[in-house]
Amino acid sequence: MDLDLAIREEEPLALTESSTPQQIAYYEQWKKSNRLSMMLMKAHVSKSIRGLVPECKKAKDLMKAIEEQFVTSNKALASTLMKKLSGMKFDNSKGVRQHGMRMRDIATKLKSLNIDALDPFLVHFALNSLLMEYSPFKISYNTHKENWSVNKLLTMCVQEEERLKHEKLDMKQENANLVTRGNRNKKNMELLM
């Protein structure tokens, strides 16, 4: 269909009385390609920049105008993503794996915008975003010589989260036993008196 003809090729010279049938056919084909390309681009361009793109008569010009808007949008997006990443704190609501994966997802989006958050940076950043109850885990990481990848950090964090859950569960059972035994001892003391 040569739909991209208007994007690949420059506009042919205007038709004249001396234009050949091949030149006329090519010119008509280019015009159709240009019109369809413009319609497709306008239909699929983001609503957020649609009003910012100047009116263009050629598909190539429209593509350049859209590209310029995305460069500006990419800078704003990068800034937004960096703010989001730097403000992330683990709150125990969805689990440490989801927290780490959200951080890694943002880092991947930043990387696609040519802002590389290297693994060691992301590992330290993720560790610093954890709650105080993860302090022994952080100390353990800092005392080891090897550096972890983000994937290894996620695995280790999930193990630590499980350990902390079991520790809390054991504490609750211990407290329940103390309360129950304390009440029995109190009743036994009353019977003796």
N, C-alpha and C. Protein backbone atom coordinates (compact mmCIF):
# COMPACT_ATOMS: atom_id res chain seq x y z
N MET A 1 0.82 -1.21 0.00
CA MET A 1 0.00 0.00 0.00
C MET A 1 0.85 1.26 0.00
N ASP A 2 2.12 1.14 0.37
CA ASP A 2 3.01 2.30 0.46
C ASP A 2 2.43 3.39 1.36
N LEU A 3 1.86 2.97 2.48
CA LEU A 3 1.27 3.92 3.41
C LEU A 3 2.33 4.89 3.95
N ASP A 4 3.55 4.42 4.11
CA ASP A 4 4.61 5.27 4.66
C ASP A 4 5.39 6.03 3.59
N LEU A 5 4.90 6.05 2.38
CA LEU A 5 5.59 6.73 1.29
C LEU A 5 5.85 8.20 1.62
N ALA A 6 4.88 8.88 2.20
CA ALA A 6 5.03 10.31 2.51
C ALA A 6 6.04 10.55 3.62
N ILE A 7 6.30 9.52 4.43
CA ILE A 7 7.28 9.65 5.49
C ILE A 7 8.67 9.32 4.97
N ARG A 8 8.74 8.35 4.07
CA ARG A 8 10.04 7.94 3.51
C ARG A 8 10.56 8.89 2.45
N GLU A 9 9.68 9.43 1.64
CA GLU A 9 10.07 10.21 0.47
C GLU A 9 9.63 11.67 0.61
N GLU A 10 10.41 12.56 0.02
CA GLU A 10 10.03 13.98 0.00
C GLU A 10 8.85 14.17 -0.95
N GLU A 11 8.14 15.24 -0.77
CA GLU A 11 7.00 15.54 -1.64
C GLU A 11 7.51 15.75 -3.07
N PRO A 12 6.85 15.10 -4.03
CA PRO A 12 7.29 15.30 -5.42
C PRO A 12 6.97 16.72 -5.89
N LEU A 13 7.62 17.12 -6.95
CA LEU A 13 7.38 18.45 -7.51
C LEU A 13 5.92 18.56 -7.94
N ALA A 14 5.42 19.78 -7.89
CA ALA A 14 4.03 20.01 -8.29
C ALA A 14 3.83 19.61 -9.75
N LEU A 15 2.63 19.14 -10.01
CA LEU A 15 2.31 18.70 -11.36
C LEU A 15 2.19 19.89 -12.31
N THR A 16 2.60 19.64 -13.52
CA THR A 16 2.48 20.65 -14.58
C THR A 16 1.79 20.01 -15.78
N GLU A 17 1.58 20.80 -16.81
CA GLU A 17 0.94 20.26 -18.01
C GLU A 17 1.82 19.22 -18.69
N SER A 18 3.11 19.32 -18.47
CA SER A 18 4.04 18.40 -19.12
C SER A 18 4.36 17.17 -18.27
N SER A 19 3.68 17.00 -17.12
CA SER A 19 3.92 15.84 -16.25
C SER A 19 3.50 14.55 -16.95
N THR A 20 4.32 13.53 -16.74
CA THR A 20 4.03 12.24 -17.36
C THR A 20 2.98 11.50 -16.55
N PRO A 21 2.34 10.48 -17.13
CA PRO A 21 1.36 9.69 -16.37
C PRO A 21 1.99 9.05 -15.12
N GLN A 22 3.27 8.63 -15.20
CA GLN A 22 3.94 8.04 -14.02
C GLN A 22 4.12 9.09 -12.92
N GLN A 23 4.48 10.32 -13.30
CA GLN A 23 4.65 11.40 -12.33
C GLN A 23 3.31 11.74 -11.68
N ILE A 24 2.26 11.75 -12.48
CA ILE A 24 0.92 12.05 -11.95
C ILE A 24 0.50 10.95 -10.97
N ALA A 25 0.70 9.69 -11.37
CA ALA A 25 0.32 8.57 -10.51
C ALA A 25 1.13 8.59 -9.21
N TYR A 26 2.43 8.87 -9.30
CA TYR A 26 3.28 8.93 -8.10
C TYR A 26 2.84 10.07 -7.19
N TYR A 27 2.54 11.23 -7.78
CA TYR A 27 2.10 12.38 -7.00
C TYR A 27 0.80 12.06 -6.26
N GLU A 28 -0.14 11.42 -6.94
CA GLU A 28 -1.41 11.05 -6.31
C GLU A 28 -1.20 10.02 -5.20
N GLN A 29 -0.30 9.09 -5.46
CA GLN A 29 0.03 8.07 -4.46
C GLN A 29 0.66 8.73 -3.23
N TRP A 30 1.55 9.68 -3.44
CA TRP A 30 2.21 10.38 -2.33
C TRP A 30 1.18 11.18 -1.53
N LYS A 31 0.28 11.89 -2.23
CA LYS A 31 -0.75 12.67 -1.54
C LYS A 31 -1.64 11.78 -0.67
N LYS A 32 -2.04 10.62 -1.21
CA LYS A 32 -2.88 9.69 -0.46
C LYS A 32 -2.12 9.17 0.77
N SER A 33 -0.87 8.81 0.58
CA SER A 33 -0.05 8.35 1.69
C SER A 33 0.08 9.43 2.76
N ASN A 34 0.31 10.65 2.33
CA ASN A 34 0.45 11.77 3.26
C ASN A 34 -0.84 11.96 4.06
N ARG A 35 -1.98 11.96 3.36
CA ARG A 35 -3.28 12.16 4.02
C ARG A 35 -3.56 11.05 5.04
N LEU A 36 -3.34 9.79 4.64
CA LEU A 36 -3.59 8.66 5.55
C LEU A 36 -2.62 8.66 6.72
N SER A 37 -1.37 8.97 6.47
CA SER A 37 -0.37 9.03 7.55
C SER A 37 -0.73 10.10 8.56
N MET A 38 -1.16 11.24 8.06
CA MET A 38 -1.56 12.35 8.96
C MET A 38 -2.75 11.92 9.81
N MET A 39 -3.73 11.27 9.20
CA MET A 39 -4.92 10.83 9.95
C MET A 39 -4.53 9.82 11.03
N LEU A 40 -3.69 8.88 10.68
CA LEU A 40 -3.27 7.87 11.65
C LEU A 40 -2.50 8.49 12.81
N MET A 41 -1.58 9.36 12.50
CA MET A 41 -0.79 9.99 13.57
C MET A 41 -1.67 10.84 14.48
N LYS A 42 -2.56 11.62 13.90
CA LYS A 42 -3.44 12.46 14.72
C LYS A 42 -4.36 11.62 15.60
N ALA A 43 -4.78 10.48 15.07
CA ALA A 43 -5.68 9.61 15.84
C ALA A 43 -4.95 8.92 17.00
N HIS A 44 -3.66 8.71 16.86
CA HIS A 44 -2.94 7.94 17.88
C HIS A 44 -2.01 8.77 18.76
N VAL A 45 -1.91 10.06 18.52
CA VAL A 45 -1.04 10.88 19.35
C VAL A 45 -1.71 11.07 20.72
N SER A 46 -0.90 11.13 21.75
CA SER A 46 -1.40 11.29 23.11
C SER A 46 -2.24 12.57 23.25
N LYS A 47 -3.36 12.44 23.97
CA LYS A 47 -4.24 13.60 24.18
C LYS A 47 -3.53 14.73 24.91
N SER A 48 -2.57 14.36 25.74
CA SER A 48 -1.87 15.38 26.53
C SER A 48 -1.05 16.33 25.67
N ILE A 49 -0.63 15.90 24.48
CA ILE A 49 0.17 16.80 23.64
C ILE A 49 -0.55 17.18 22.35
N ARG A 50 -1.74 16.64 22.12
CA ARG A 50 -2.46 16.90 20.88
C ARG A 50 -2.62 18.39 20.61
N GLY A 51 -2.97 19.15 21.61
CA GLY A 51 -3.17 20.59 21.43
C GLY A 51 -1.87 21.37 21.29
N LEU A 52 -0.76 20.77 21.68
CA LEU A 52 0.53 21.45 21.62
C LEU A 52 1.22 21.31 20.27
N VAL A 53 0.75 20.37 19.46
CA VAL A 53 1.38 20.11 18.17
C VAL A 53 0.81 21.10 17.14
N PRO A 54 1.70 21.84 16.45
CA PRO A 54 1.21 22.81 15.46
C PRO A 54 0.58 22.10 14.26
N GLU A 55 -0.26 22.81 13.56
CA GLU A 55 -0.90 22.27 12.36
C GLU A 55 0.16 22.10 11.28
N CYS A 56 0.19 20.93 10.67
CA CYS A 56 1.17 20.63 9.62
C CYS A 56 0.44 20.12 8.39
N LYS A 57 1.08 20.32 7.24
CA LYS A 57 0.49 19.85 5.98
C LYS A 57 1.14 18.56 5.49
N LYS A 58 2.30 18.21 6.05
CA LYS A 58 3.00 17.01 5.62
C LYS A 58 3.20 16.08 6.82
N ALA A 59 3.11 14.77 6.56
CA ALA A 59 3.27 13.76 7.60
C ALA A 59 4.65 13.84 8.25
N LYS A 60 5.68 14.08 7.45
CA LYS A 60 7.04 14.19 7.99
C LYS A 60 7.15 15.34 8.99
N ASP A 61 6.55 16.48 8.66
CA ASP A 61 6.59 17.64 9.55
C ASP A 61 5.82 17.36 10.83
N LEU A 62 4.68 16.69 10.69
CA LEU A 62 3.89 16.35 11.87
C LEU A 62 4.67 15.40 12.78
N MET A 63 5.35 14.45 12.18
CA MET A 63 6.14 13.51 12.97
C MET A 63 7.25 14.24 13.74
N LYS A 64 7.90 15.20 13.11
CA LYS A 64 8.95 15.98 13.79
C LYS A 64 8.36 16.80 14.94
N ALA A 65 7.19 17.41 14.70
CA ALA A 65 6.55 18.22 15.74
C ALA A 65 6.15 17.36 16.94
N ILE A 66 5.64 16.17 16.67
CA ILE A 66 5.28 15.25 17.75
C ILE A 66 6.52 14.83 18.51
N GLU A 67 7.57 14.51 17.80
CA GLU A 67 8.83 14.10 18.42
C GLU A 67 9.36 15.19 19.36
N GLU A 68 9.28 16.44 18.92
CA GLU A 68 9.74 17.55 19.77
C GLU A 68 8.92 17.63 21.06
N GLN A 69 7.62 17.38 20.97
CA GLN A 69 6.78 17.41 22.16
C GLN A 69 7.12 16.27 23.10
N PHE A 70 7.45 15.10 22.55
CA PHE A 70 7.80 13.98 23.40
C PHE A 70 9.13 14.19 24.08
N VAL A 71 10.05 14.91 23.48
CA VAL A 71 11.32 15.22 24.15
C VAL A 71 11.01 16.03 25.40
N THR A 72 10.15 17.02 25.27
CA THR A 72 9.75 17.83 26.43
C THR A 72 9.02 16.97 27.44
N SER A 73 8.10 16.13 26.95
CA SER A 73 7.34 15.27 27.85
C SER A 73 8.25 14.27 28.55
N ASN A 74 9.27 13.77 27.86
CA ASN A 74 10.19 12.82 28.47
C ASN A 74 10.94 13.45 29.64
N LYS A 75 11.31 14.71 29.50
CA LYS A 75 12.00 15.39 30.60
C LYS A 75 11.06 15.51 31.81
N ALA A 76 9.82 15.87 31.55
CA ALA A 76 8.85 15.98 32.64
C ALA A 76 8.58 14.62 33.26
N LEU A 77 8.47 13.60 32.41
CA LEU A 77 8.24 12.24 32.91
C LEU A 77 9.42 11.77 33.74
N ALA A 78 10.63 12.03 33.28
CA ALA A 78 11.83 11.64 34.04
C ALA A 78 11.83 12.31 35.41
N SER A 79 11.49 13.58 35.44
CA SER A 79 11.44 14.30 36.71
C SER A 79 10.39 13.69 37.64
N THR A 80 9.23 13.40 37.10
CA THR A 80 8.16 12.79 37.89
C THR A 80 8.58 11.43 38.43
N LEU A 81 9.19 10.61 37.57
CA LEU A 81 9.62 9.28 38.00
C LEU A 81 10.70 9.36 39.07
N MET A 82 11.62 10.31 38.93
CA MET A 82 12.68 10.46 39.94
C MET A 82 12.10 10.89 41.29
N LYS A 83 11.13 11.77 41.25
CA LYS A 83 10.47 12.18 42.50
C LYS A 83 9.75 11.00 43.14
N LYS A 84 9.08 10.22 42.30
CA LYS A 84 8.34 9.07 42.80
C LYS A 84 9.30 8.05 43.43
N LEU A 85 10.41 7.79 42.74
CA LEU A 85 11.40 6.83 43.25
C LEU A 85 12.02 7.32 44.55
N SER A 86 12.40 8.59 44.59
CA SER A 86 13.07 9.11 45.78
C SER A 86 12.13 9.21 46.98
N GLY A 87 10.83 9.27 46.72
CA GLY A 87 9.88 9.37 47.83
C GLY A 87 9.33 8.03 48.30
N MET A 88 9.75 6.94 47.68
CA MET A 88 9.20 5.64 48.03
C MET A 88 9.74 5.15 49.36
N LYS A 89 8.83 4.75 50.20
CA LYS A 89 9.17 4.13 51.49
C LYS A 89 8.31 2.88 51.63
N PHE A 90 8.92 1.83 52.11
CA PHE A 90 8.19 0.58 52.31
C PHE A 90 7.26 0.76 53.49
N ASP A 91 5.96 0.44 53.28
CA ASP A 91 4.98 0.65 54.34
C ASP A 91 4.31 -0.65 54.80
N ASN A 92 4.81 -1.77 54.31
CA ASN A 92 4.32 -3.09 54.73
C ASN A 92 2.91 -3.40 54.23
N SER A 93 2.34 -2.56 53.37
CA SER A 93 0.97 -2.79 52.94
C SER A 93 0.84 -3.88 51.88
N LYS A 94 1.80 -3.96 50.96
CA LYS A 94 1.69 -4.93 49.88
C LYS A 94 2.84 -5.94 49.85
N GLY A 95 3.72 -5.87 50.76
CA GLY A 95 4.83 -6.81 50.78
C GLY A 95 6.09 -6.21 50.19
N VAL A 96 7.21 -6.75 50.64
CA VAL A 96 8.50 -6.21 50.25
C VAL A 96 8.83 -6.51 48.79
N ARG A 97 8.35 -7.64 48.26
CA ARG A 97 8.61 -7.97 46.85
C ARG A 97 7.94 -6.94 45.94
N GLN A 98 6.68 -6.61 46.20
CA GLN A 98 5.98 -5.63 45.38
C GLN A 98 6.65 -4.26 45.48
N HIS A 99 7.11 -3.93 46.67
CA HIS A 99 7.80 -2.65 46.87
C HIS A 99 9.07 -2.61 46.00
N GLY A 100 9.86 -3.66 46.07
CA GLY A 100 11.09 -3.73 45.28
C GLY A 100 10.81 -3.75 43.79
N MET A 101 9.76 -4.45 43.40
CA MET A 101 9.42 -4.52 41.97
C MET A 101 8.94 -3.17 41.46
N ARG A 102 8.22 -2.41 42.29
CA ARG A 102 7.80 -1.06 41.88
C ARG A 102 9.02 -0.17 41.68
N MET A 103 9.99 -0.30 42.59
CA MET A 103 11.22 0.49 42.46
C MET A 103 11.97 0.10 41.19
N ARG A 104 12.07 -1.20 40.93
CA ARG A 104 12.78 -1.67 39.74
C ARG A 104 12.04 -1.23 38.48
N ASP A 105 10.72 -1.23 38.51
CA ASP A 105 9.92 -0.79 37.36
C ASP A 105 10.19 0.68 37.05
N ILE A 106 10.24 1.50 38.07
CA ILE A 106 10.53 2.93 37.87
C ILE A 106 11.94 3.11 37.32
N ALA A 107 12.89 2.34 37.86
CA ALA A 107 14.27 2.42 37.36
C ALA A 107 14.35 2.02 35.89
N THR A 108 13.57 1.03 35.49
CA THR A 108 13.54 0.59 34.09
C THR A 108 12.96 1.69 33.21
N LYS A 109 11.91 2.34 33.69
CA LYS A 109 11.33 3.45 32.92
C LYS A 109 12.33 4.60 32.79
N LEU A 110 13.06 4.87 33.85
CA LEU A 110 14.09 5.91 33.79
C LEU A 110 15.19 5.53 32.80
N LYS A 111 15.55 4.26 32.79
CA LYS A 111 16.58 3.80 31.87
C LYS A 111 16.13 3.99 30.42
N SER A 112 14.84 3.78 30.14
CA SER A 112 14.34 3.99 28.78
C SER A 112 14.38 5.47 28.40
N LEU A 113 14.49 6.34 29.40
CA LEU A 113 14.61 7.78 29.15
C LEU A 113 16.07 8.24 29.23
N ASN A 114 16.99 7.29 29.16
CA ASN A 114 18.44 7.52 29.20
C ASN A 114 18.92 8.06 30.54
N ILE A 115 18.23 7.69 31.61
CA ILE A 115 18.67 8.00 32.97
C ILE A 115 18.88 6.67 33.64
N ASP A 116 20.14 6.28 33.78
CA ASP A 116 20.47 4.95 34.25
C ASP A 116 20.63 4.93 35.76
N ALA A 117 19.74 4.19 36.43
CA ALA A 117 19.88 3.95 37.86
C ALA A 117 20.59 2.60 37.99
N LEU A 118 21.87 2.63 38.26
CA LEU A 118 22.67 1.42 38.31
C LEU A 118 22.23 0.52 39.45
N ASP A 119 22.47 -0.79 39.28
CA ASP A 119 22.07 -1.77 40.29
C ASP A 119 22.56 -1.44 41.70
N PRO A 120 23.86 -1.13 41.89
CA PRO A 120 24.31 -0.82 43.27
C PRO A 120 23.55 0.36 43.89
N PHE A 121 23.28 1.37 43.09
CA PHE A 121 22.52 2.51 43.59
C PHE A 121 21.12 2.08 44.00
N LEU A 122 20.47 1.31 43.13
CA LEU A 122 19.10 0.88 43.40
C LEU A 122 19.05 -0.05 44.61
N VAL A 123 20.04 -0.90 44.78
CA VAL A 123 20.09 -1.79 45.95
C VAL A 123 20.17 -0.97 47.23
N HIS A 124 21.08 0.00 47.29
CA HIS A 124 21.20 0.84 48.49
C HIS A 124 19.95 1.68 48.70
N PHE A 125 19.41 2.18 47.63
CA PHE A 125 18.20 2.99 47.73
C PHE A 125 17.05 2.16 48.29
N ALA A 126 16.90 0.93 47.78
CA ALA A 126 15.84 0.05 48.25
C ALA A 126 16.05 -0.32 49.72
N LEU A 127 17.28 -0.60 50.10
CA LEU A 127 17.57 -0.93 51.50
C LEU A 127 17.21 0.23 52.42
N ASN A 128 17.53 1.44 51.99
CA ASN A 128 17.24 2.61 52.81
C ASN A 128 15.76 2.92 52.90
N SER A 129 14.97 2.36 51.99
CA SER A 129 13.53 2.63 52.02
C SER A 129 12.78 1.66 52.93
N LEU A 130 13.49 0.66 53.48
CA LEU A 130 12.85 -0.34 54.32
C LEU A 130 12.59 0.20 55.73
N LEU A 131 11.67 -0.45 56.43
CA LEU A 131 11.31 -0.06 57.79
C LEU A 131 12.44 -0.37 58.77
N MET A 132 12.33 0.19 59.98
CA MET A 132 13.36 -0.02 61.02
C MET A 132 13.50 -1.49 61.41
N GLU A 133 12.42 -2.25 61.32
CA GLU A 133 12.51 -3.66 61.70
C GLU A 133 13.45 -4.45 60.79
N TYR A 134 13.82 -3.87 59.66
CA TYR A 134 14.77 -4.50 58.75
C TYR A 134 16.22 -4.07 59.04
N SER A 135 16.44 -3.34 60.13
CA SER A 135 17.79 -2.86 60.45
C SER A 135 18.83 -3.98 60.56
N PRO A 136 18.53 -5.09 61.25
CA PRO A 136 19.54 -6.17 61.28
C PRO A 136 19.85 -6.70 59.88
N PHE A 137 18.86 -6.75 59.02
CA PHE A 137 19.06 -7.19 57.64
C PHE A 137 19.98 -6.23 56.90
N LYS A 138 19.76 -4.93 57.09
CA LYS A 138 20.62 -3.92 56.45
C LYS A 138 22.06 -4.04 56.94
N ILE A 139 22.21 -4.23 58.24
CA ILE A 139 23.55 -4.38 58.81
C ILE A 139 24.23 -5.62 58.23
N SER A 140 23.47 -6.68 58.11
CA SER A 140 24.00 -7.91 57.53
C SER A 140 24.50 -7.67 56.11
N TYR A 141 23.73 -6.95 55.32
CA TYR A 141 24.15 -6.65 53.95
C TYR A 141 25.45 -5.83 53.96
N ASN A 142 25.49 -4.82 54.80
CA ASN A 142 26.65 -3.92 54.83
C ASN A 142 27.92 -4.62 55.31
N THR A 143 27.79 -5.68 56.09
CA THR A 143 28.98 -6.37 56.58
C THR A 143 29.50 -7.43 55.61
N HIS A 144 28.68 -7.82 54.63
CA HIS A 144 29.13 -8.78 53.62
C HIS A 144 29.96 -8.07 52.56
N LYS A 145 30.94 -8.78 52.03
CA LYS A 145 31.82 -8.19 51.02
C LYS A 145 31.16 -8.12 49.65
N GLU A 146 30.33 -9.10 49.33
CA GLU A 146 29.74 -9.13 47.99
C GLU A 146 28.60 -8.10 47.86
N ASN A 147 28.49 -7.57 46.66
CA ASN A 147 27.37 -6.68 46.34
C ASN A 147 26.26 -7.50 45.71
N TRP A 148 25.04 -7.18 46.06
CA TRP A 148 23.90 -7.91 45.53
C TRP A 148 23.35 -7.20 44.30
N SER A 149 22.75 -7.98 43.42
CA SER A 149 21.97 -7.40 42.33
C SER A 149 20.59 -7.08 42.88
N VAL A 150 19.81 -6.38 42.12
CA VAL A 150 18.45 -6.05 42.56
C VAL A 150 17.64 -7.34 42.73
N ASN A 151 17.83 -8.29 41.82
CA ASN A 151 17.10 -9.56 41.92
C ASN A 151 17.46 -10.31 43.20
N LYS A 152 18.75 -10.35 43.53
CA LYS A 152 19.17 -11.04 44.76
C LYS A 152 18.62 -10.29 45.98
N LEU A 153 18.64 -8.98 45.93
CA LEU A 153 18.09 -8.20 47.04
C LEU A 153 16.62 -8.54 47.25
N LEU A 154 15.86 -8.62 46.16
CA LEU A 154 14.43 -8.95 46.28
C LEU A 154 14.25 -10.32 46.92
N THR A 155 15.05 -11.29 46.49
CA THR A 155 14.97 -12.64 47.06
C THR A 155 15.29 -12.61 48.55
N MET A 156 16.35 -11.93 48.91
CA MET A 156 16.77 -11.87 50.31
C MET A 156 15.74 -11.10 51.16
N CYS A 157 15.17 -10.04 50.59
CA CYS A 157 14.17 -9.26 51.32
C CYS A 157 12.92 -10.09 51.59
N VAL A 158 12.52 -10.90 50.62
CA VAL A 158 11.35 -11.76 50.82
C VAL A 158 11.63 -12.77 51.94
N GLN A 159 12.85 -13.33 51.95
CA GLN A 159 13.21 -14.26 53.03
C GLN A 159 13.18 -13.56 54.38
N GLU A 160 13.69 -12.34 54.42
CA GLU A 160 13.70 -11.57 55.67
C GLU A 160 12.27 -11.24 56.10
N GLU A 161 11.43 -10.90 55.15
CA GLU A 161 10.03 -10.60 55.45
C GLU A 161 9.35 -11.82 56.07
N GLU A 162 9.61 -13.00 55.50
CA GLU A 162 9.04 -14.25 56.05
C GLU A 162 9.56 -14.50 57.46
N ARG A 163 10.86 -14.27 57.66
CA ARG A 163 11.44 -14.46 58.98
C ARG A 163 10.78 -13.53 60.00
N LEU A 164 10.59 -12.28 59.60
CA LEU A 164 9.96 -11.30 60.50
C LEU A 164 8.50 -11.68 60.81
N LYS A 165 7.80 -12.18 59.81
CA LYS A 165 6.40 -12.61 60.03
C LYS A 165 6.35 -13.76 61.04
N HIS A 166 7.25 -14.75 60.86
CA HIS A 166 7.29 -15.88 61.78
C HIS A 166 7.68 -15.42 63.18
N GLU A 167 8.60 -14.48 63.25
CA GLU A 167 9.02 -13.94 64.55
C GLU A 167 7.85 -13.25 65.25
N LYS A 168 7.08 -12.47 64.51
CA LYS A 168 5.90 -11.79 65.09
C LYS A 168 4.85 -12.80 65.53
N LEU A 169 4.65 -13.83 64.71
CA LEU A 169 3.68 -14.87 65.04
C LEU A 169 4.10 -15.60 66.30
N ASP A 170 5.38 -15.93 66.42
CA ASP A 170 5.90 -16.59 67.62
C ASP A 170 5.71 -15.71 68.85
N MET A 171 5.94 -14.40 68.69
CA MET A 171 5.77 -13.46 69.81
C MET A 171 4.31 -13.42 70.25
N LYS A 172 3.39 -13.42 69.29
CA LYS A 172 1.96 -13.39 69.63
C LYS A 172 1.57 -14.65 70.37
N GLN A 173 2.05 -15.80 69.91
CA GLN A 173 1.74 -17.07 70.58
C GLN A 173 2.33 -17.09 71.99
N GLU A 174 3.53 -16.57 72.12
CA GLU A 174 4.17 -16.51 73.43
C GLU A 174 3.39 -15.61 74.37
N ASN A 175 2.95 -14.46 73.88
CA ASN A 175 2.15 -13.55 74.70
C ASN A 175 0.82 -14.18 75.07
N ALA A 176 0.21 -14.89 74.12
CA ALA A 176 -1.06 -15.56 74.42
C ALA A 176 -0.87 -16.62 75.49
N ASN A 177 0.23 -17.36 75.43
CA ASN A 177 0.52 -18.37 76.44
C ASN A 177 0.73 -17.73 77.80
N LEU A 178 1.42 -16.61 77.83
CA LEU A 178 1.66 -15.92 79.10
C LEU A 178 0.36 -15.44 79.71
N VAL A 179 -0.50 -14.88 78.89
CA VAL A 179 -1.78 -14.38 79.39
C VAL A 179 -2.61 -15.53 79.91
N THR A 180 -2.66 -16.63 79.14
CA THR A 180 -3.46 -17.79 79.55
C THR A 180 -2.91 -18.40 80.82
N ARG A 181 -1.63 -18.61 80.89
CA ARG A 181 -1.01 -19.19 82.07
C ARG A 181 -1.12 -18.25 83.27
N GLY A 182 -0.99 -16.96 82.99
CA GLY A 182 -1.11 -15.98 84.07
C GLY A 182 -2.49 -16.03 84.71
N ASN A 183 -3.54 -16.19 83.91
CA ASN A 183 -4.90 -16.28 84.43
C ASN A 183 -5.09 -17.56 85.23
N ARG A 184 -4.52 -18.68 84.79
CA ARG A 184 -4.64 -19.95 85.52
C ARG A 184 -3.93 -19.84 86.86
N ASN A 185 -2.77 -19.25 86.87
CA ASN A 185 -2.02 -19.10 88.13
C ASN A 185 -2.79 -18.22 89.10
N LYS A 186 -3.44 -17.19 88.57
CA LYS A 186 -4.22 -16.29 89.42
C LYS A 186 -5.40 -17.05 90.03
N LYS A 187 -6.08 -17.89 89.22
CA LYS A 187 -7.22 -18.68 89.72
C LYS A 187 -6.74 -19.70 90.74
N ASN A 188 -5.62 -20.32 90.48
CA ASN A 188 -5.05 -21.29 91.43
C ASN A 188 -4.71 -20.62 92.76
N MET A 189 -4.19 -19.40 92.68
CA MET A 189 -3.84 -18.66 93.91
C MET A 189 -5.11 -18.33 94.70
N GLU A 190 -6.21 -18.01 93.98
CA GLU A 190 -7.46 -17.69 94.66
C GLU A 190 -8.03 -18.93 95.33
N LEU A 191 -7.90 -20.08 94.70
CA LEU A 191 -8.40 -21.33 95.28
C LEU A 191 -7.63 -21.69 96.54
N LEU A 192 -6.35 -21.43 96.53
CA LEU A 192 -5.54 -21.73 97.71
C LEU A 192 -5.88 -20.86 98.89
N MET A 193 -6.37 -19.69 98.64
CA MET A 193 -6.65 -18.79 99.75
C MET A 193 -7.96 -19.06 100.31
